[in-house]
Amino acid sequence: MHPTLRGLLAHAPILTDGAWGTQLQAQGLPTGACPDAWNLEHPELVERVAQAYVQAGSRLILTNTFGANRFALERYGLAEKVAEINLAGVEISRRAATGAAKVFATIGPSGKMLVMGQVRRDELLSAFGEQAQAMASAGADGIVVETMSDPVEAELAVTAAKETGLPVVGCMVFDSGPEKDRTMMGATVEQAVHALCEGGADVVGSNCGRGIAGFVELCRRLKAASDRPVWIKGNAGLPKIEDGRTVYHQTPEEFASYVPQLVQAGASFIGGCCGTTPEFIAATAKALGIAASG
């Protein structure tokens, strides 16, 4: 096991952070703008988001690099700024962490569909490798491949990230099928975990796609499917569309009430995804018996 992971797991469960996109919007990110570009344009506002999570009790924070792969940045005319954006993203989170939290850089989907022939495997491997190498060179403590729906793409991203020598977390979205326990591509929890482990993931998990309540059973299955530690980042309940906006009505306390069940189900890393804020992380810290830093 990687020394960084071993050190973290000695104090498991580890509290991670919450949502980034909505927090950046709260700082003024316009709808439809490229969030990752803010690492260069408004680093102080991105750092404010990261700092708020550290102060709420996060011992592991992510980076504002979710869409900073070549294919995703291409949509904004920023494909040539992959290295620059990822370097800045890691540096911002490292400043915010001030040694109180580890920084795991985040890699999201490419936005291209392998099954539709929109991209080749070698192209994805290259794009994720480019992103991961920039993260490693900036001093990331680890890499999180998250919000993946295609197990093949996830495996390629994990494989590319593993080339850095850093610990790698692989996370899938399970939001399809009658029980909402399959990926959009139809993969079961067990099939997805197999793909992540084939890629070399050190930690397996799930984020997004459903409210925190649905993650308890998912966590049990993730835990049973391999010998890897489990990472869970659930949404703040189910969203409602009000006046054209996506609104989450779950309170931080309601969210945190599921934490004991997640721990019992085997989660080693717990945080929040869509709809969660520093207040949710502070409530989760309280549920885990962790004192906030600020």
Protein backbone atom coordinates (compact mmCIF):
# COMPACT_ATOMS: atom_id res chain seq x y z
CA MET A 1 0.00 0.00 0.00
CA HIS A 2 1.19 3.52 -0.81
CA PRO A 3 2.65 5.26 2.28
CA THR A 4 0.28 8.24 1.85
CA LEU A 5 -2.72 5.92 1.94
CA ARG A 6 -1.36 3.94 4.85
CA GLY A 7 -0.93 7.14 6.83
CA LEU A 8 -4.46 8.30 6.06
CA LEU A 9 -6.09 4.95 6.78
CA ALA A 10 -4.46 4.86 10.21
CA HIS A 11 -7.03 7.54 11.09
CA ALA A 12 -10.00 6.24 9.08
CA PRO A 13 -12.71 7.14 8.39
CA ILE A 14 -11.23 10.17 6.62
CA LEU A 15 -13.42 13.21 6.04
CA THR A 16 -13.11 14.56 2.49
CA ASP A 17 -14.72 17.70 1.06
CA GLY A 18 -18.06 18.66 -0.50
CA ALA A 19 -19.27 20.06 -3.83
CA TRP A 20 -17.09 22.46 -5.79
CA GLY A 21 -19.20 23.58 -8.76
CA THR A 22 -22.03 25.11 -6.75
CA GLN A 23 -19.54 26.72 -4.37
CA LEU A 24 -17.72 28.34 -7.29
CA GLN A 25 -21.07 29.57 -8.60
CA ALA A 26 -21.69 31.10 -5.17
CA GLN A 27 -18.38 32.94 -5.64
CA GLY A 28 -19.64 34.31 -8.95
CA LEU A 29 -18.84 31.68 -11.59
CA PRO A 30 -21.32 32.38 -14.42
CA THR A 31 -23.54 29.57 -15.72
CA GLY A 32 -21.91 27.97 -18.74
CA ALA A 33 -18.42 29.28 -17.94
CA CYS A 34 -15.44 26.93 -17.58
CA PRO A 35 -14.91 26.31 -13.84
CA ASP A 36 -11.36 25.01 -14.35
CA ALA A 37 -10.27 28.23 -16.10
CA TRP A 38 -10.85 30.05 -12.80
CA ASN A 39 -7.60 28.45 -11.55
CA LEU A 40 -5.88 31.00 -13.80
CA GLU A 41 -8.44 33.81 -13.82
CA HIS A 42 -9.62 33.90 -10.19
CA PRO A 43 -7.29 31.72 -8.06
CA GLU A 44 -8.20 33.61 -4.89
CA LEU A 45 -11.89 32.68 -5.26
CA VAL A 46 -11.06 29.02 -5.94
CA GLU A 47 -8.80 29.02 -2.88
CA ARG A 48 -11.66 30.41 -0.78
CA VAL A 49 -13.75 27.32 -1.62
CA ALA A 50 -10.91 24.95 -0.67
CA GLN A 51 -10.18 26.87 2.55
CA ALA A 52 -13.81 26.67 3.64
CA TYR A 53 -13.68 22.88 3.47
CA VAL A 54 -10.42 22.66 5.40
CA GLN A 55 -11.90 24.92 8.08
CA ALA A 56 -15.02 22.74 8.19
CA GLY A 57 -12.89 19.70 9.05
CA SER A 58 -11.87 18.11 5.73
CA ARG A 59 -8.65 16.13 6.07
CA LEU A 60 -8.51 15.48 2.34
CA ILE A 61 -9.56 18.04 -0.25
CA LEU A 62 -9.85 17.83 -4.01
CA THR A 63 -8.90 20.33 -6.71
CA ASN A 64 -10.73 22.48 -9.23
CA THR A 65 -9.62 20.25 -12.11
CA PHE A 66 -12.65 18.03 -12.72
CA GLY A 67 -13.01 19.10 -16.34
CA ALA A 68 -9.36 19.90 -17.00
CA ASN A 69 -8.64 17.15 -19.51
CA ARG A 70 -7.87 18.01 -23.13
CA PHE A 71 -11.26 16.93 -24.50
CA ALA A 72 -13.37 18.76 -21.91
CA LEU A 73 -11.26 21.95 -22.18
CA GLU A 74 -11.50 21.83 -25.98
CA ARG A 75 -15.13 22.98 -25.71
CA TYR A 76 -13.88 26.27 -24.27
CA GLY A 77 -10.92 26.67 -26.61
CA LEU A 78 -8.52 25.83 -23.78
CA ALA A 79 -7.11 22.46 -24.88
CA GLU A 80 -3.58 23.86 -24.95
CA LYS A 81 -3.78 24.95 -21.31
CA VAL A 82 -4.15 21.48 -19.77
CA ALA A 83 -0.84 21.55 -17.90
CA GLU A 84 -1.21 25.17 -16.78
CA ILE A 85 -4.75 24.72 -15.43
CA ASN A 86 -3.96 21.48 -13.60
CA LEU A 87 -0.74 22.83 -12.09
CA ALA A 88 -2.60 25.88 -10.81
CA GLY A 89 -5.46 23.75 -9.48
CA VAL A 90 -3.16 21.61 -7.36
CA GLU A 91 -1.15 24.61 -6.15
CA ILE A 92 -4.33 26.42 -5.05
CA SER A 93 -5.58 23.45 -3.01
CA ARG A 94 -2.14 22.91 -1.50
CA ARG A 95 -2.06 26.53 -0.32
CA ALA A 96 -5.52 26.13 1.20
CA ALA A 97 -4.60 22.84 2.88
CA THR A 98 -1.73 24.45 4.83
CA GLY A 99 -0.55 20.99 5.85
CA ALA A 100 -3.85 20.28 7.65
CA ALA A 101 -5.27 18.25 4.76
CA LYS A 102 -3.99 16.06 1.95
CA VAL A 103 -4.67 17.15 -1.64
CA PHE A 104 -6.02 14.57 -4.10
CA ALA A 105 -6.37 16.03 -7.58
CA THR A 106 -9.58 15.23 -9.41
CA ILE A 107 -10.03 13.82 -12.92
CA GLY A 108 -13.54 13.73 -14.40
CA PRO A 109 -14.92 12.18 -17.60
CA SER A 110 -13.71 13.26 -21.03
CA GLY A 111 -17.20 13.98 -22.29
CA LYS A 112 -16.55 11.69 -25.25
CA MET A 113 -18.31 8.33 -25.72
CA LEU A 114 -16.10 5.35 -26.50
CA VAL A 115 -19.09 3.20 -27.47
CA MET A 116 -20.19 5.81 -30.01
CA GLY A 117 -16.74 5.89 -31.58
CA GLN A 118 -16.24 9.55 -30.62
CA VAL A 119 -12.79 8.78 -29.25
CA ARG A 120 -10.25 5.93 -29.24
CA ARG A 121 -8.87 4.23 -26.14
CA ASP A 122 -5.32 5.39 -26.86
CA GLU A 123 -6.54 8.98 -27.18
CA LEU A 124 -8.26 8.80 -23.78
CA LEU A 125 -5.22 7.19 -22.17
CA SER A 126 -3.03 9.97 -23.55
CA ALA A 127 -5.40 12.77 -22.45
CA PHE A 128 -5.77 11.42 -18.91
CA GLY A 129 -2.02 10.81 -18.74
CA GLU A 130 -1.31 14.41 -19.72
CA GLN A 131 -3.61 15.65 -16.97
CA ALA A 132 -2.31 13.26 -14.30
CA GLN A 133 1.35 14.06 -14.98
CA ALA A 134 0.68 17.79 -14.54
CA MET A 135 -1.05 17.06 -11.22
CA ALA A 136 1.84 14.94 -9.99
CA SER A 137 4.42 17.54 -10.99
CA ALA A 138 2.50 20.16 -8.96
CA GLY A 139 2.78 18.04 -5.82
CA ALA A 140 -0.62 16.34 -5.49
CA ASP A 141 -0.76 13.69 -2.75
CA GLY A 142 -3.04 11.47 -4.81
CA ILE A 143 -5.51 11.41 -7.70
CA VAL A 144 -9.27 10.80 -7.71
CA VAL A 145 -10.91 9.57 -10.92
CA GLU A 146 -14.56 10.40 -10.26
CA THR A 147 -18.10 10.68 -11.63
CA MET A 148 -17.39 8.00 -14.24
CA SER A 149 -20.25 6.13 -15.92
CA ASP A 150 -18.28 4.04 -18.42
CA PRO A 151 -16.13 1.39 -16.66
CA VAL A 152 -13.79 1.24 -19.68
CA GLU A 153 -13.12 4.98 -19.57
CA ALA A 154 -12.71 4.79 -15.80
CA GLU A 155 -10.19 1.97 -16.12
CA LEU A 156 -8.20 3.95 -18.71
CA ALA A 157 -8.17 7.04 -16.48
CA VAL A 158 -7.06 5.01 -13.46
CA THR A 159 -4.35 3.31 -15.52
CA ALA A 160 -3.04 6.70 -16.69
CA ALA A 161 -3.14 8.12 -13.16
CA LYS A 162 -1.27 5.12 -11.73
CA GLU A 163 1.67 5.94 -14.03
CA THR A 164 2.43 8.90 -11.74
CA GLY A 165 3.21 6.62 -8.81
CA LEU A 166 0.59 8.40 -6.69
CA PRO A 167 -2.27 6.60 -4.90
CA VAL A 168 -5.38 6.54 -7.08
CA VAL A 169 -9.08 6.49 -6.15
CA GLY A 170 -11.57 5.25 -8.75
CA CYS A 171 -15.23 6.32 -8.43
CA MET A 172 -18.29 5.45 -10.48
CA VAL A 173 -21.79 6.92 -10.66
CA PHE A 174 -24.58 4.42 -10.01
CA ASP A 175 -27.83 6.09 -11.04
CA SER A 176 -29.46 3.69 -13.52
CA GLY A 177 -31.59 0.55 -13.50
CA PRO A 178 -34.67 -0.20 -11.36
CA GLU A 179 -32.60 -0.17 -8.15
CA LYS A 180 -30.35 2.73 -9.24
CA ASP A 181 -27.39 0.41 -8.71
CA ARG A 182 -25.97 0.36 -12.23
CA THR A 183 -23.91 2.84 -14.20
CA MET A 184 -25.42 4.61 -17.19
CA MET A 185 -23.66 1.98 -19.33
CA GLY A 186 -25.45 -0.80 -17.41
CA ALA A 187 -22.50 -2.01 -15.33
CA THR A 188 -23.22 -3.44 -11.88
CA VAL A 189 -21.29 -2.37 -8.78
CA GLU A 190 -19.27 -5.56 -8.96
CA GLN A 191 -18.44 -5.15 -12.66
CA ALA A 192 -17.41 -1.53 -12.12
CA VAL A 193 -15.17 -2.42 -9.18
CA HIS A 194 -13.53 -5.14 -11.26
CA ALA A 195 -12.71 -2.58 -13.99
CA LEU A 196 -11.32 -0.09 -11.45
CA CYS A 197 -9.14 -2.76 -9.85
CA GLU A 198 -7.94 -3.89 -13.30
CA GLY A 199 -6.74 -0.33 -13.82
CA GLY A 200 -4.88 -0.50 -10.52
CA ALA A 201 -7.13 1.61 -8.27
CA ASP A 202 -5.91 1.71 -4.67
CA VAL A 203 -9.35 2.84 -3.43
CA VAL A 204 -12.76 2.18 -5.03
CA GLY A 205 -15.93 4.12 -4.54
CA SER A 206 -18.93 6.04 -5.77
CA ASN A 207 -19.95 9.67 -5.95
CA CYS A 208 -22.88 11.69 -7.27
CA GLY A 209 -25.94 10.24 -8.99
CA ARG A 210 -28.18 9.86 -5.94
CA GLY A 211 -28.91 11.13 -2.44
CA ILE A 212 -26.77 10.07 0.51
CA ALA A 213 -29.42 7.58 1.72
CA GLY A 214 -28.82 5.37 -1.33
CA PHE A 215 -25.10 5.13 -0.65
CA VAL A 216 -25.38 2.87 2.40
CA GLU A 217 -26.24 -0.25 0.40
CA LEU A 218 -23.87 0.83 -2.39
CA CYS A 219 -21.11 1.06 0.19
CA ARG A 220 -21.78 -2.47 1.45
CA ARG A 221 -21.54 -3.84 -2.07
CA LEU A 222 -18.41 -1.83 -2.89
CA LYS A 223 -16.79 -3.14 0.30
CA ALA A 224 -17.71 -6.75 -0.52
CA ALA A 225 -16.53 -6.51 -4.15
CA SER A 226 -12.80 -6.08 -3.43
CA ASP A 227 -10.17 -5.75 -0.71
CA ARG A 228 -9.72 -2.02 -1.44
CA PRO A 229 -10.75 0.79 0.94
CA VAL A 230 -14.07 2.43 -0.01
CA TRP A 231 -14.67 6.10 -0.90
CA ILE A 232 -18.18 7.59 -0.66
CA LYS A 233 -19.38 11.07 -1.69
CA GLY A 234 -23.17 11.28 -1.79
CA ASN A 235 -25.45 14.08 -2.90
CA ALA A 236 -27.55 16.21 -0.55
CA GLY A 237 -30.70 14.20 -1.15
CA LEU A 238 -32.66 14.41 -4.40
CA PRO A 239 -32.78 17.77 -6.19
CA LYS A 240 -35.87 19.69 -7.26
CA ILE A 241 -36.08 22.21 -10.09
CA GLU A 242 -37.45 25.50 -8.79
CA ASP A 243 -37.63 28.61 -11.00
CA GLY A 244 -35.22 26.94 -13.40
CA ARG A 245 -32.64 26.27 -10.68
CA THR A 246 -31.58 22.96 -9.16
CA VAL A 247 -32.31 23.09 -5.44
CA TYR A 248 -31.37 20.61 -2.71
CA HIS A 249 -33.55 20.70 0.39
CA GLN A 250 -31.73 18.21 2.59
CA THR A 251 -30.17 19.82 5.66
CA PRO A 252 -26.56 19.25 6.77
CA GLU A 253 -27.88 17.43 9.85
CA GLU A 254 -30.06 15.08 7.77
CA PHE A 255 -27.10 14.35 5.51
CA ALA A 256 -24.81 13.66 8.47
CA SER A 257 -27.36 11.32 10.06
CA TYR A 258 -26.34 8.68 7.49
CA VAL A 259 -22.66 8.85 8.42
CA PRO A 260 -22.77 6.15 11.17
CA GLN A 261 -24.44 3.73 8.70
CA LEU A 262 -21.77 4.47 6.08
CA VAL A 263 -19.01 3.81 8.60
CA GLN A 264 -20.71 0.55 9.60
CA ALA A 265 -21.02 -0.38 5.91
CA GLY A 266 -17.27 -0.03 5.53
CA ALA A 267 -16.57 3.48 4.19
CA SER A 268 -13.00 4.64 4.77
CA PHE A 269 -13.44 8.03 3.06
CA ILE A 270 -16.64 10.08 3.46
CA GLY A 271 -17.57 13.43 1.92
CA GLY A 272 -20.25 15.13 -0.12
CA CYS A 273 -21.06 15.71 -3.78
CA CYS A 274 -23.81 17.80 -5.44
CA GLY A 275 -25.69 20.14 -3.13
CA THR A 276 -23.27 19.82 -0.22
CA THR A 277 -21.47 22.81 1.29
CA PRO A 278 -18.90 23.45 4.04
CA GLU A 279 -21.84 23.29 6.49
CA PHE A 280 -22.49 19.69 5.38
CA ILE A 281 -18.84 18.83 5.92
CA ALA A 282 -18.88 20.44 9.37
CA ALA A 283 -21.97 18.36 10.28
CA THR A 284 -20.26 15.23 8.94
CA ALA A 285 -17.15 16.08 10.98
CA LYS A 286 -19.35 16.29 14.08
CA ALA A 287 -20.93 12.92 13.26
CA LEU A 288 -17.42 11.44 12.95
CA GLY A 289 -16.26 13.08 16.16
CA ILE A 290 -13.77 15.33 14.34
CA ALA A 291 -13.15 18.87 15.52
CA ALA A 292 -13.30 21.53 12.78
CA SER A 293 -10.17 23.65 12.28
CA GLY A 294 -11.81 27.02 12.06
